[in-house]
C-alpha atoms as a PDB file:
ATOM      1  CA  MET A   1      15.645  18.245 -10.413  1.00  0.00           C
ATOM      2  CA  SER A   2      12.281  17.317  -9.632  1.00  0.00           C
ATOM      3  CA  GLU A   3      10.115  19.314  -7.513  1.00  0.00           C
ATOM      4  CA  ASP A   4       9.127  17.250  -5.112  1.00  0.00           C
ATOM      5  CA  VAL A   5      13.130  16.842  -4.563  1.00  0.00           C
ATOM      6  CA  ARG A   6      15.484  19.613  -2.947  1.00  0.00           C
ATOM      7  CA  LEU A   7      18.787  19.916  -1.223  1.00  0.00           C
ATOM      8  CA  PHE A   8      18.844  19.971   2.158  1.00  0.00           C
ATOM      9  CA  ALA A   9      22.943  20.290   2.900  1.00  0.00           C
ATOM     10  CA  ASP A  10      25.677  20.464   0.865  1.00  0.00           C
ATOM     11  CA  CYS A  11      27.645  18.556   2.606  1.00  0.00           C
ATOM     12  CA  HIS A  12      29.798  17.017  -0.092  1.00  0.00           C
ATOM     13  CA  CYS A  13      30.495  14.147   2.321  1.00  0.00           C
ATOM     14  CA  GLU A  14      32.369  11.320   0.598  1.00  0.00           C
ATOM     15  CA  LEU A  15      29.303   9.005   2.000  1.00  0.00           C
ATOM     16  CA  SER A  16      26.383  10.477   3.757  1.00  0.00           C
ATOM     17  CA  GLU A  17      24.605   8.224   5.983  1.00  0.00           C
ATOM     18  CA  SER A  18      22.466   6.985   8.475  1.00  0.00           C
ATOM     19  CA  PRO A  19      20.414   9.793   8.511  1.00  0.00           C
ATOM     20  CA  MET A  20      17.949  10.043  12.152  1.00  0.00           C
ATOM     21  CA  TRP A  21      15.498  12.729  12.515  1.00  0.00           C
ATOM     22  CA  ASN A  22      15.994  13.897  16.778  1.00  0.00           C
ATOM     23  CA  GLU A  23      12.879  14.882  18.057  1.00  0.00           C
ATOM     24  CA  LYS A  24      14.272  15.892  21.069  1.00  0.00           C
ATOM     25  CA  ASP A  25      16.259  19.072  19.674  1.00  0.00           C
ATOM     26  CA  LYS A  26      14.070  19.045  16.137  1.00  0.00           C
ATOM     27  CA  MET A  27      17.367  18.477  13.927  1.00  0.00           C
ATOM     28  CA  LEU A  28      18.986  15.532  11.333  1.00  0.00           C
ATOM     29  CA  TYR A  29      21.816  14.029  12.321  1.00  0.00           C
ATOM     30  CA  TRP A  30      23.933  11.645   9.751  1.00  0.00           C
ATOM     31  CA  ARG A  31      27.076  10.692   9.469  1.00  0.00           C
ATOM     32  CA  GLY A  32      30.242  11.179   7.526  1.00  0.00           C
ATOM     33  CA  PHE A  33      32.617   8.223   6.244  1.00  0.00           C
ATOM     34  CA  HIS A  34      35.647   9.208   8.578  1.00  0.00           C
ATOM     35  CA  GLY A  35      34.192   9.556  12.358  1.00  0.00           C
ATOM     36  CA  GLU A  36      32.402  12.737  12.056  1.00  0.00           C
ATOM     37  CA  LEU A  37      29.085  13.271  12.762  1.00  0.00           C
ATOM     38  CA  TYR A  38      26.640  16.284  11.163  1.00  0.00           C
ATOM     39  CA  ARG A  39      23.600  17.751  12.251  1.00  0.00           C
ATOM     40  CA  LYS A  40      21.210  20.523  10.560  1.00  0.00           C
ATOM     41  CA  ARG A  41      17.960  22.205  11.615  1.00  0.00           C
ATOM     42  CA  ILE A  42      14.923  22.111   8.762  1.00  0.00           C
ATOM     43  CA  ASN A  43      15.052  25.788   8.016  1.00  0.00           C
ATOM     44  CA  ASN A  44      18.979  26.445   7.879  1.00  0.00           C
ATOM     45  CA  ASP A  45      20.499  27.307   4.762  1.00  0.00           C
ATOM     46  CA  VAL A  46      22.028  24.215   2.720  1.00  0.00           C
ATOM     47  CA  ASN A  47      25.207  25.245   4.047  1.00  0.00           C
ATOM     48  CA  ASP A  48      24.100  25.795   7.670  1.00  0.00           C
ATOM     49  CA  PHE A  49      25.154  22.379   9.121  1.00  0.00           C
ATOM     50  CA  GLU A  50      27.616  21.428  12.269  1.00  0.00           C
ATOM     51  CA  CYS A  51      30.124  18.738  11.509  1.00  0.00           C
ATOM     52  CA  PHE A  52      31.686  16.923  14.891  1.00  0.00           C
ATOM     53  CA  GLN A  53      34.824  15.412  13.980  1.00  0.00           C
ATOM     54  CA  LEU A  54      34.728  12.568  17.243  1.00  0.00           C
ATOM     55  CA  ASN A  55      38.213  10.415  16.952  1.00  0.00           C
ATOM     56  CA  ILE A  56      36.431   7.156  17.209  1.00  0.00           C
ATOM     57  CA  GLY A  57      37.098   5.409  13.952  1.00  0.00           C
ATOM     58  CA  ASN A  58      34.401   4.670  11.598  1.00  0.00           C
ATOM     59  CA  ILE A  59      30.709   4.860  12.929  1.00  0.00           C
ATOM     60  CA  GLY A  60      28.219   2.904  11.517  1.00  0.00           C
ATOM     61  CA  SER A  61      25.280   3.965  13.048  1.00  0.00           C
ATOM     62  CA  MET A  62      23.244   5.740  16.504  1.00  0.00           C
ATOM     63  CA  VAL A  63      20.507   5.438  18.624  1.00  0.00           C
ATOM     64  CA  PHE A  64      19.378   8.453  20.464  1.00  0.00           C
ATOM     65  CA  THR A  65      18.233   8.476  24.408  1.00  0.00           C
ATOM     66  CA  ASP A  66      15.592   9.823  26.531  1.00  0.00           C
ATOM     67  CA  SER A  67      18.596  12.006  28.284  1.00  0.00           C
ATOM     68  CA  ASP A  68      21.260  14.768  25.906  1.00  0.00           C
ATOM     69  CA  TYR A  69      23.470  11.815  25.115  1.00  0.00           C
ATOM     70  CA  ILE A  70      23.296  10.064  21.796  1.00  0.00           C
ATOM     71  CA  LEU A  71      24.987   6.076  21.769  1.00  0.00           C
ATOM     72  CA  LEU A  72      27.312   5.837  18.719  1.00  0.00           C
ATOM     73  CA  PHE A  73      27.620   2.543  17.126  1.00  0.00           C
ATOM     74  CA  ALA A  74      31.112   2.181  16.036  1.00  0.00           C
ATOM     75  CA  ASP A  75      34.194   0.322  14.781  1.00  0.00           C
ATOM     76  CA  GLY A  76      35.649  -2.578  16.966  1.00  0.00           C
ATOM     77  CA  GLY A  77      32.345  -3.545  18.336  1.00  0.00           C
ATOM     78  CA  LYS A  78      32.636  -0.282  20.219  1.00  0.00           C
ATOM     79  CA  ILE A  79      29.508   1.923  21.639  1.00  0.00           C
ATOM     80  CA  TRP A  80      29.924   5.158  22.930  1.00  0.00           C
ATOM     81  CA  LYS A  81      28.053   7.450  24.765  1.00  0.00           C
ATOM     82  CA  TRP A  82      28.171  11.171  23.205  1.00  0.00           C
ATOM     83  CA  LYS A  83      26.740  14.993  23.363  1.00  0.00           C
ATOM     84  CA  PRO A  84      27.359  17.345  21.298  1.00  0.00           C
ATOM     85  CA  TYR A  85      30.539  19.213  22.253  1.00  0.00           C
ATOM     86  CA  LEU A  86      32.074  16.781  24.576  1.00  0.00           C
ATOM     87  CA  GLU A  87      34.274  13.742  24.172  1.00  0.00           C
ATOM     88  CA  PRO A  88      32.820  10.821  23.782  1.00  0.00           C
ATOM     89  CA  ILE A  89      32.611   8.103  26.359  1.00  0.00           C
ATOM     90  CA  LEU A  90      33.039   4.522  25.727  1.00  0.00           C
ATOM     91  CA  TYR A  91      30.188   2.501  26.774  1.00  0.00           C
ATOM     92  CA  LYS A  92      30.587  -0.774  25.580  1.00  0.00           C
ATOM     93  CA  ASN A  93      33.283  -2.261  23.753  1.00  0.00           C
ATOM     94  CA  PHE A  94      32.653  -6.126  22.198  1.00  0.00           C
ATOM     95  CA  GLN A  95      35.470  -6.553  20.500  1.00  0.00           C
ATOM     96  CA  LYS A  96      33.842  -7.198  17.225  1.00  0.00           C
ATOM     97  CA  THR A  97      34.108  -5.559  13.546  1.00  0.00           C
ATOM     98  CA  LEU A  98      32.320  -1.811  12.458  1.00  0.00           C
ATOM     99  CA  PHE A  99      28.454  -1.951  13.270  1.00  0.00           C
ATOM    100  CA  ASN A 100      26.598  -1.083  10.175  1.00  0.00           C
ATOM    101  CA  ASP A 101      22.573   0.278  10.295  1.00  0.00           C
ATOM    102  CA  VAL A 102      20.765  -0.409  13.874  1.00  0.00           C
ATOM    103  CA  ILE A 103      17.725  -0.004  15.160  1.00  0.00           C
ATOM    104  CA  ALA A 104      16.094   0.515  18.821  1.00  0.00           C
ATOM    105  CA  ASP A 105      13.167  -1.575  19.934  1.00  0.00           C
ATOM    106  CA  PRO A 106      10.281  -0.054  22.240  1.00  0.00           C
ATOM    107  CA  LYS A 107      11.290  -2.163  24.788  1.00  0.00           C
ATOM    108  CA  GLY A 108      14.682  -0.681  25.379  1.00  0.00           C
ATOM    109  CA  ARG A 109      16.514  -3.429  23.079  1.00  0.00           C
ATOM    110  CA  VAL A 110      18.932  -2.760  19.897  1.00  0.00           C
ATOM    111  CA  TYR A 111      19.445  -4.579  16.769  1.00  0.00           C
ATOM    112  CA  CYS A 112      22.409  -3.981  14.774  1.00  0.00           C
ATOM    113  CA  GLY A 113      23.901  -5.271  11.697  1.00  0.00           C
ATOM    114  CA  MET A 114      27.769  -5.750  11.634  1.00  0.00           C
ATOM    115  CA  LEU A 115      30.046  -5.817   9.035  1.00  0.00           C
ATOM    116  CA  ALA A 116      32.491  -8.989   8.160  1.00  0.00           C
ATOM    117  CA  GLU A 117      35.755  -9.604   9.424  1.00  0.00           C
ATOM    118  CA  ASN A 118      38.326  -7.147   7.736  1.00  0.00           C
ATOM    119  CA  PHE A 119      35.425  -5.654   5.549  1.00  0.00           C
ATOM    120  CA  PHE A 120      37.430  -2.950   4.311  1.00  0.00           C
ATOM    121  CA  ASP A 121      40.612  -5.267   3.519  1.00  0.00           C
ATOM    122  CA  ARG A 122      39.188  -7.209   0.254  1.00  0.00           C
ATOM    123  CA  LYS A 123      42.061 -10.040   0.150  1.00  0.00           C
ATOM    124  CA  ARG A 124      41.542 -10.447   3.939  1.00  0.00           C
ATOM    125  CA  ARG A 125      37.334  -9.789   3.767  1.00  0.00           C
ATOM    126  CA  GLY A 126      35.376 -12.663   5.717  1.00  0.00           C
ATOM    127  CA  GLU A 127      32.790 -14.157   4.053  1.00  0.00           C
ATOM    128  CA  TYR A 128      29.926 -13.094   6.761  1.00  0.00           C
ATOM    129  CA  GLY A 129      28.811 -10.418   8.231  1.00  0.00           C
ATOM    130  CA  SER A 130      25.912 -11.054  10.820  1.00  0.00           C
ATOM    131  CA  LEU A 131      22.859  -9.666  13.039  1.00  0.00           C
ATOM    132  CA  TRP A 132      22.790  -9.043  16.931  1.00  0.00           C
ATOM    133  CA  MET A 133      20.930  -7.682  19.400  1.00  0.00           C
ATOM    134  CA  LEU A 134      21.389  -5.942  22.269  1.00  0.00           C
ATOM    135  CA  ASP A 135      19.369  -6.475  25.092  1.00  0.00           C
ATOM    136  CA  ASN A 136      18.162  -4.941  27.812  1.00  0.00           C
ATOM    137  CA  ASP A 137      20.884  -6.148  29.992  1.00  0.00           C
ATOM    138  CA  ARG A 138      23.722  -5.058  27.432  1.00  0.00           C
ATOM    139  CA  ASN A 139      24.475  -8.316  26.183  1.00  0.00           C
ATOM    140  CA  LEU A 140      25.421  -8.703  22.634  1.00  0.00           C
ATOM    141  CA  ILE A 141      23.453 -11.480  21.485  1.00  0.00           C
ATOM    142  CA  CYS A 142      24.028 -13.164  18.076  1.00  0.00           C
ATOM    143  CA  LEU A 143      21.128 -13.758  15.870  1.00  0.00           C
ATOM    144  CA  GLU A 144      22.227 -14.541  12.540  1.00  0.00           C
ATOM    145  CA  ASN A 145      25.788 -15.328  11.913  1.00  0.00           C
ATOM    146  CA  ASP A 146      25.694 -15.791   8.400  1.00  0.00           C
ATOM    147  CA  THR A 147      23.932 -12.520   6.801  1.00  0.00           C
ATOM    148  CA  GLY A 148      25.757 -11.561   4.060  1.00  0.00           C
ATOM    149  CA  THR A 149      28.914  -9.444   4.061  1.00  0.00           C
ATOM    150  CA  VAL A 150      26.907  -6.334   4.412  1.00  0.00           C
ATOM    151  CA  PRO A 151      24.164  -6.449   6.383  1.00  0.00           C
ATOM    152  CA  ASN A 152      22.608  -3.324   6.631  1.00  0.00           C
ATOM    153  CA  GLY A 153      18.922  -1.390   7.236  1.00  0.00           C
ATOM    154  CA  ILE A 154      16.828  -2.561   9.770  1.00  0.00           C
ATOM    155  CA  ARG A 155      13.071  -1.601  10.283  1.00  0.00           C
ATOM    156  CA  PHE A 156      10.228  -2.742  11.990  1.00  0.00           C
ATOM    157  CA  SER A 157       6.738  -2.500  10.659  1.00  0.00           C
ATOM    158  CA  PRO A 158       4.106  -0.116  12.616  1.00  0.00           C
ATOM    159  CA  GLU A 159       2.066  -2.571  14.085  1.00  0.00           C
ATOM    160  CA  LEU A 160       5.521  -4.210  15.828  1.00  0.00           C
ATOM    161  CA  ASP A 161       5.127  -7.818  14.410  1.00  0.00           C
ATOM    162  CA  LYS A 162       7.437  -8.000  11.600  1.00  0.00           C
ATOM    163  CA  LEU A 163      11.292  -6.998  11.444  1.00  0.00           C
ATOM    164  CA  TYR A 164      12.748  -6.237   8.104  1.00  0.00           C
ATOM    165  CA  PHE A 165      16.481  -6.511   7.392  1.00  0.00           C
ATOM    166  CA  GLY A 166      18.028  -5.693   4.002  1.00  0.00           C
ATOM    167  CA  VAL A 167      21.378  -7.789   2.982  1.00  0.00           C
ATOM    168  CA  THR A 168      23.006  -5.617   0.204  1.00  0.00           C
ATOM    169  CA  ASP A 169      25.311  -8.375  -1.268  1.00  0.00           C
ATOM    170  CA  HIS A 170      22.509 -10.338  -1.043  1.00  0.00           C
ATOM    171  CA  ASP A 171      20.393  -7.982  -3.158  1.00  0.00           C
ATOM    172  CA  CYS A 172      17.381  -8.728  -0.955  1.00  0.00           C
ATOM    173  CA  VAL A 173      15.217  -7.360   1.515  1.00  0.00           C
ATOM    174  CA  TYR A 174      14.190 -10.025   4.268  1.00  0.00           C
ATOM    175  CA  VAL A 175      11.404  -9.736   6.472  1.00  0.00           C
ATOM    176  CA  TYR A 176      10.889 -11.627  10.023  1.00  0.00           C
ATOM    177  CA  ASP A 177       8.113 -12.304  12.902  1.00  0.00           C
ATOM    178  CA  TYR A 178       9.243 -10.012  15.610  1.00  0.00           C
ATOM    179  CA  GLU A 179       7.727 -10.486  18.710  1.00  0.00           C
ATOM    180  CA  ALA A 180       7.800  -6.894  20.991  1.00  0.00           C
ATOM    181  CA  GLU A 181       7.771  -8.790  24.495  1.00  0.00           C
ATOM    182  CA  THR A 182      10.625 -11.203  24.195  1.00  0.00           C
ATOM    183  CA  GLY A 183      12.683  -9.241  21.274  1.00  0.00           C
ATOM    184  CA  LYS A 184      12.577 -12.833  19.110  1.00  0.00           C
ATOM    185  CA  ILE A 185      12.228 -13.173  15.327  1.00  0.00           C
ATOM    186  CA  SER A 186      12.189 -16.361  13.740  1.00  0.00           C
ATOM    187  CA  ASN A 187      10.482 -17.613  10.189  1.00  0.00           C
ATOM    188  CA  ARG A 188      12.631 -15.140   7.939  1.00  0.00           C
ATOM    189  CA  LYS A 189      11.345 -14.606   4.247  1.00  0.00           C
ATOM    190  CA  VAL A 190      12.570 -13.091   1.133  1.00  0.00           C
ATOM    191  CA  PHE A 191      10.280  -9.751   1.041  1.00  0.00           C
ATOM    192  CA  ALA A 192      11.870  -8.263  -1.595  1.00  0.00           C
ATOM    193  CA  THR A 193      14.672  -8.996  -4.548  1.00  0.00           C
ATOM    194  CA  ASN A 194      16.615  -6.591  -7.009  1.00  0.00           C
ATOM    195  CA  CYS A 195      16.780  -3.809  -4.091  1.00  0.00           C
ATOM    196  CA  CYS A 196      20.412  -3.809  -3.572  1.00  0.00           C
ATOM    197  CA  PRO A 197      19.103  -2.080  -0.262  1.00  0.00           C
ATOM    198  CA  ASP A 198      21.509   0.248   1.669  1.00  0.00           C
ATOM    199  CA  GLY A 199      19.492   2.010   4.558  1.00  0.00           C
ATOM    200  CA  MET A 200      15.489   1.834   4.906  1.00  0.00           C
ATOM    201  CA  ALA A 201      12.539   3.665   6.245  1.00  0.00           C
ATOM    202  CA  MET A 202       8.675   2.607   7.422  1.00  0.00           C
ATOM    203  CA  ASP A 203       5.971   4.841   6.548  1.00  0.00           C
ATOM    204  CA  VAL A 204       2.886   4.580   9.019  1.00  0.00           C
ATOM    205  CA  ASN A 205       1.056   3.057   6.680  1.00  0.00           C
ATOM    206  CA  GLY A 206       3.516  -0.140   6.245  1.00  0.00           C
ATOM    207  CA  ASN A 207       5.384   0.855   2.920  1.00  0.00           C
ATOM    208  CA  LEU A 208       9.218   0.053   3.319  1.00  0.00           C
ATOM    209  CA  TRP A 209      11.190   2.926   1.606  1.00  0.00           C
ATOM    210  CA  VAL A 210      14.711   1.272   0.390  1.00  0.00           C
ATOM    211  CA  ALA A 211      17.616   3.447  -0.732  1.00  0.00           C
ATOM    212  CA  CYS A 212      19.028   1.134  -3.873  1.00  0.00           C
ATOM    213  CA  CYS A 213      22.420   1.930  -3.930  1.00  0.00           C
ATOM    214  CA  GLN A 214      23.451   1.211  -7.150  1.00  0.00           C
ATOM    215  CA  PRO A 215      24.630   3.934  -9.359  1.00  0.00           C
ATOM    216  CA  GLY A 216      21.668   5.636 -11.178  1.00  0.00           C
ATOM    217  CA  ARG A 217      19.030   3.910  -9.090  1.00  0.00           C
ATOM    218  CA  PRO A 218      16.023   5.371  -7.360  1.00  0.00           C
ATOM    219  CA  LEU A 219      14.564   5.199  -3.750  1.00  0.00           C
ATOM    220  CA  LEU A 220      12.463   2.033  -3.777  1.00  0.00           C
ATOM    221  CA  CYS A 221       8.901   1.938  -1.954  1.00  0.00           C
ATOM    222  CA  TYR A 222       7.292  -1.399  -1.305  1.00  0.00           C
ATOM    223  CA  ASN A 223       4.201  -2.161  -0.044  1.00  0.00           C
ATOM    224  CA  PRO A 224       3.276  -4.776   2.880  1.00  0.00           C
ATOM    225  CA  HIS A 225       3.004  -7.426   0.415  1.00  0.00           C
ATOM    226  CA  GLY A 226       6.324  -6.608  -1.520  1.00  0.00           C
ATOM    227  CA  GLU A 227       5.719  -5.010  -4.224  1.00  0.00           C
ATOM    228  CA  LEU A 228       7.234  -2.243  -5.227  1.00  0.00           C
ATOM    229  CA  THR A 229       4.545   0.825  -5.836  1.00  0.00           C
ATOM    230  CA  CYS A 230       6.917   4.195  -6.233  1.00  0.00           C
ATOM    231  CA  GLU A 231      10.452   5.540  -7.226  1.00  0.00           C
ATOM    232  CA  ILE A 232      11.522   8.361  -6.384  1.00  0.00           C
ATOM    233  CA  TYR A 233      15.104   9.622  -8.544  1.00  0.00           C
ATOM    234  CA  PHE A 234      17.945  11.859  -7.372  1.00  0.00           C
ATOM    235  CA  PRO A 235      20.171  14.215  -9.180  1.00  0.00           C
ATOM    236  CA  VAL A 236      23.458  12.200  -7.618  1.00  0.00           C
ATOM    237  CA  HIS A 237      25.759   9.386  -7.954  1.00  0.00           C
ATOM    238  CA  ARG A 238      24.180   7.345  -5.369  1.00  0.00           C
ATOM    239  CA  ILE A 239      21.528   7.164  -2.993  1.00  0.00           C
ATOM    240  CA  ILE A 240      22.438   5.585   0.861  1.00  0.00           C
ATOM    241  CA  SER A 241      19.794   5.924   3.266  1.00  0.00           C
ATOM    242  CA  VAL A 242      16.747   7.659   4.001  1.00  0.00           C
ATOM    243  CA  ALA A 243      14.604   8.665   7.066  1.00  0.00           C
ATOM    244  CA  PHE A 244      11.499  10.361   7.869  1.00  0.00           C
ATOM    245  CA  GLY A 245      11.509  13.419  10.065  1.00  0.00           C
ATOM    246  CA  GLY A 246      10.288  16.957  11.036  1.00  0.00           C
ATOM    247  CA  GLU A 247       7.580  17.966  13.025  1.00  0.00           C
ATOM    248  CA  ASP A 248       4.887  15.618  11.615  1.00  0.00           C
ATOM    249  CA  LYS A 249       7.190  13.333   9.802  1.00  0.00           C
ATOM    250  CA  SER A 250       6.299  14.081   6.502  1.00  0.00           C
ATOM    251  CA  LEU A 251       9.990  14.975   5.436  1.00  0.00           C
ATOM    252  CA  MET A 252      11.799  12.035   3.854  1.00  0.00           C
ATOM    253  CA  PHE A 253      15.754  12.234   4.188  1.00  0.00           C
ATOM    254  CA  VAL A 254      18.277  11.146   1.729  1.00  0.00           C
ATOM    255  CA  THR A 255      21.489  11.172   2.141  1.00  0.00           C
ATOM    256  CA  THR A 256      24.041  10.247  -0.738  1.00  0.00           C
ATOM    257  CA  ALA A 257      27.825   9.994  -1.994  1.00  0.00           C
ATOM    258  CA  HIS A 258      30.244  10.334  -4.539  1.00  0.00           C
ATOM    259  CA  GLU A 259      33.191   8.271  -3.699  1.00  0.00           C
ATOM    260  CA  ASN A 260      35.726   8.352  -5.937  1.00  0.00           C
ATOM    261  CA  GLN A 261      33.638   9.458  -9.393  1.00  0.00           C
ATOM    262  CA  PRO A 262      33.866  12.564 -10.601  1.00  0.00           C
ATOM    263  CA  GLU A 263      31.904  14.415  -8.141  1.00  0.00           C
ATOM    264  CA  GLY A 264      28.518  16.354  -9.219  1.00  0.00           C
ATOM    265  CA  ASP A 265      26.838  19.459  -7.973  1.00  0.00           C
ATOM    266  CA  HIS A 266      26.075  17.975  -5.103  1.00  0.00           C
ATOM    267  CA  ASP A 267      26.902  14.269  -4.520  1.00  0.00           C
ATOM    268  CA  GLY A 268      27.539  13.448  -1.210  1.00  0.00           C
ATOM    269  CA  GLY A 269      24.836  15.667   0.063  1.00  0.00           C
ATOM    270  CA  VAL A 270      21.625  15.186   2.077  1.00  0.00           C
ATOM    271  CA  PHE A 271      18.156  15.648  -0.345  1.00  0.00           C
ATOM    272  CA  VAL A 272      14.698  15.991   1.298  1.00  0.00           C
ATOM    273  CA  VAL A 273      11.299  14.758  -0.232  1.00  0.00           C
ATOM    274  CA  GLU A 274       8.016  16.538   1.043  1.00  0.00           C
ATOM    275  CA  ASN A 275       4.469  15.184   1.677  1.00  0.00           C
ATOM    276  CA  THR A 276       5.328  11.976   0.263  1.00  0.00           C
ATOM    277  CA  ALA A 277       4.678   9.692   2.756  1.00  0.00           C
ATOM    278  CA  VAL A 278       4.373  10.036   6.963  1.00  0.00           C
ATOM    279  CA  GLY A 279       6.895   8.021   9.004  1.00  0.00           C
ATOM    280  CA  ALA A 280       6.170   5.559  11.606  1.00  0.00           C
ATOM    281  CA  ASP A 281       7.149   5.506  14.829  1.00  0.00           C
ATOM    282  CA  GLU A 282      10.849   5.536  16.311  1.00  0.00           C
ATOM    283  CA  PHE A 283      12.148   4.499  19.873  1.00  0.00           C
ATOM    284  CA  VAL A 284      14.753   5.502  22.180  1.00  0.00           C
ATOM    285  CA  LEU A 285      16.658   3.863  24.692  1.00  0.00           C
ATOM    286  CA  LYS A 286      15.376   5.003  28.397  1.00  0.00           C
ATOM    287  CA  GLY A 287      17.549   5.448  31.554  1.00  0.00           C
ATOM    288  CA  MET A 288      20.725   6.639  29.418  1.00  0.00           C
END
């Protein structure tokens, strides 16, 4: 194991996903594959983390708020309000498919990838996933209805003029022009290819960090011009997602999977890389 990479949480998830740093309680949150949520403090032992089994079906991702509530974007197009140790409260039910990665913008909107219909049933799986925006009035608006079956990581540029959007089965990250005042996205272009994108993170210098989810492949870093500048390998079968956190956002957390492969020592756990980059600003929803 590289000296720059160390184990953060030895949670042995089938799929650990959607890592997010909560500035409010100074903890890293992530989800498992069966409706469970985890959280852990930085200095706790690798086995000292909490796991909450919420019984709301698969959870795609989450958004933090300025209150103690967290919004969970889940199966069936449902959004739940939840705080630790309490039962989830159904907030919205859009009767759609499973939300995947989501991100809040500075004006209180949430951009959401949504998997294709019947995604987990290969015989009935739909051809297209989609990209949506939950607007300030909490209406769900479709922005792209043919994204590929697996819309995935979503991130803003530090200048808040670009939106990056990964589509795993397109083997591609797209970039849109983004207007923070209106929420409009336009002029989709290919930003990076041959990267099999899952989760993504943005640093303060405009570099996009992409978790390449093909077995054995690394965490990839692209500069704002779409040039590959760095690769970081992890001692696991497959990495899944990445997020910045810590007091100064200089910690990079990477989640992994073991799925049906022979489990390695720490497959399915969460790793941390220190002092490689500093994360860009993330946004919370206000008034929740």
